[in-house]
Protein backbone atom coordinates (compact mmCIF):
# COMPACT_ATOMS: atom_id res chain seq x y z
CA MET A 1 -39.61 5.88 -10.45
CA LYS A 2 -40.11 7.21 -6.94
CA SER A 3 -41.18 4.88 -4.17
CA SER A 4 -44.20 5.79 -2.06
CA LEU A 5 -42.70 3.85 0.86
CA PRO A 6 -41.41 5.65 3.97
CA ARG A 7 -38.01 7.21 3.39
CA SER A 8 -36.60 6.38 6.81
CA HIS A 9 -34.83 3.28 5.53
CA HIS A 10 -34.09 1.37 2.35
CA LEU A 11 -32.65 -2.06 1.73
CA PHE A 12 -30.78 -2.94 -1.46
CA VAL A 13 -29.31 -6.23 -2.62
CA VAL A 14 -26.40 -5.81 -5.03
CA ARG A 15 -25.16 -8.77 -7.06
CA MET A 16 -22.12 -8.76 -9.33
CA TRP A 17 -20.75 -11.39 -11.69
CA GLN A 18 -18.22 -11.66 -14.48
CA GLU A 19 -19.26 -12.77 -17.96
CA THR A 20 -16.86 -14.01 -20.62
CA ASP A 21 -17.39 -13.08 -24.25
CA ALA A 22 -16.68 -16.19 -26.34
CA VAL A 23 -15.98 -14.13 -29.46
CA SER A 24 -13.43 -11.70 -28.04
CA ALA A 25 -12.25 -13.95 -25.17
CA GLY A 26 -12.63 -10.89 -22.95
CA SER A 27 -14.71 -10.55 -19.84
CA GLN A 28 -16.99 -7.91 -18.41
CA TRP A 29 -18.41 -7.35 -14.95
CA ARG A 30 -22.17 -7.01 -14.75
CA GLY A 31 -24.45 -6.41 -11.83
CA SER A 32 -27.97 -6.06 -10.56
CA VAL A 33 -29.42 -4.09 -7.71
CA GLN A 34 -32.78 -4.80 -6.12
CA HIS A 35 -34.69 -2.41 -3.92
CA VAL A 36 -36.13 -4.96 -1.52
CA LEU A 37 -39.17 -2.99 -0.36
CA SER A 38 -40.48 -2.19 -3.85
CA GLU A 39 -38.97 -5.28 -5.54
CA GLN A 40 -37.60 -3.10 -8.36
CA ILE A 41 -34.54 -4.60 -10.06
CA HIS A 42 -32.05 -2.69 -12.19
CA TYR A 43 -29.21 -4.25 -14.20
CA PHE A 44 -25.98 -2.37 -14.86
CA THR A 45 -22.50 -2.63 -16.34
CA GLN A 46 -21.29 0.72 -15.01
CA LEU A 47 -21.07 1.73 -11.37
CA GLN A 48 -22.57 5.12 -12.17
CA ASP A 49 -25.80 3.35 -13.19
CA LEU A 50 -25.91 1.59 -9.82
CA LEU A 51 -25.50 4.91 -8.02
CA ARG A 52 -28.12 6.57 -10.24
CA PHE A 53 -30.69 3.86 -9.38
CA ILE A 54 -30.05 4.17 -5.64
CA THR A 55 -30.23 7.96 -5.88
CA GLU A 56 -33.58 7.79 -7.67
CA ILE A 57 -35.07 5.37 -5.14
CA THR A 58 -33.83 7.25 -2.08
CA ASP A 59 -34.61 10.66 -3.58
CA VAL A 60 -31.20 11.95 -2.48
CA GLU A 61 -29.91 14.97 -4.34
CA PRO A 62 -26.70 14.02 -6.19
CA SER A 63 -25.01 17.18 -4.87
CA SER A 64 -25.46 15.92 -1.30
CA VAL A 65 -23.62 12.66 -2.00
CA PRO A 66 -19.85 12.83 -1.42
CA ASP A 67 -17.74 12.54 -4.57
CA SER A 68 -17.28 8.83 -5.21
CA GLY A 69 -14.39 9.36 -7.58
CA LEU A 70 -16.27 7.54 -10.32
CA ARG A 71 -16.17 8.84 -13.84
CA SER A 72 -19.58 9.12 -15.45
CA HIS A 73 -18.96 6.11 -17.69
CA SER A 74 -16.74 3.92 -15.53
CA PRO A 75 -17.11 0.28 -16.48
CA ILE A 76 -16.83 -2.18 -13.65
CA SER A 77 -13.35 -3.62 -13.66
CA PRO A 78 -11.44 -5.84 -11.28
CA ARG A 79 -9.25 -4.14 -8.72
CA LYS A 80 -5.56 -4.38 -9.50
CA ASP A 81 -3.47 -5.31 -6.49
CA THR A 82 -0.36 -3.20 -6.16
């Protein structure tokens, strides 16, 4: 959904949390992103979905965004310290 608000600025709030699955004893990162001006909220488990939401709101062409290095179905996973 495109916003009818001015495109000169946007404000997003991104929240991320880890949920544990009691059955598998595994955990998964989940997140939400809110476009503050329109109050739209989108929930995601993959970073690509976060980027897609921001791209839709800002009306930025994906080809103009530098390569983020994310695969199209990258689940959110904790960073491994090396």
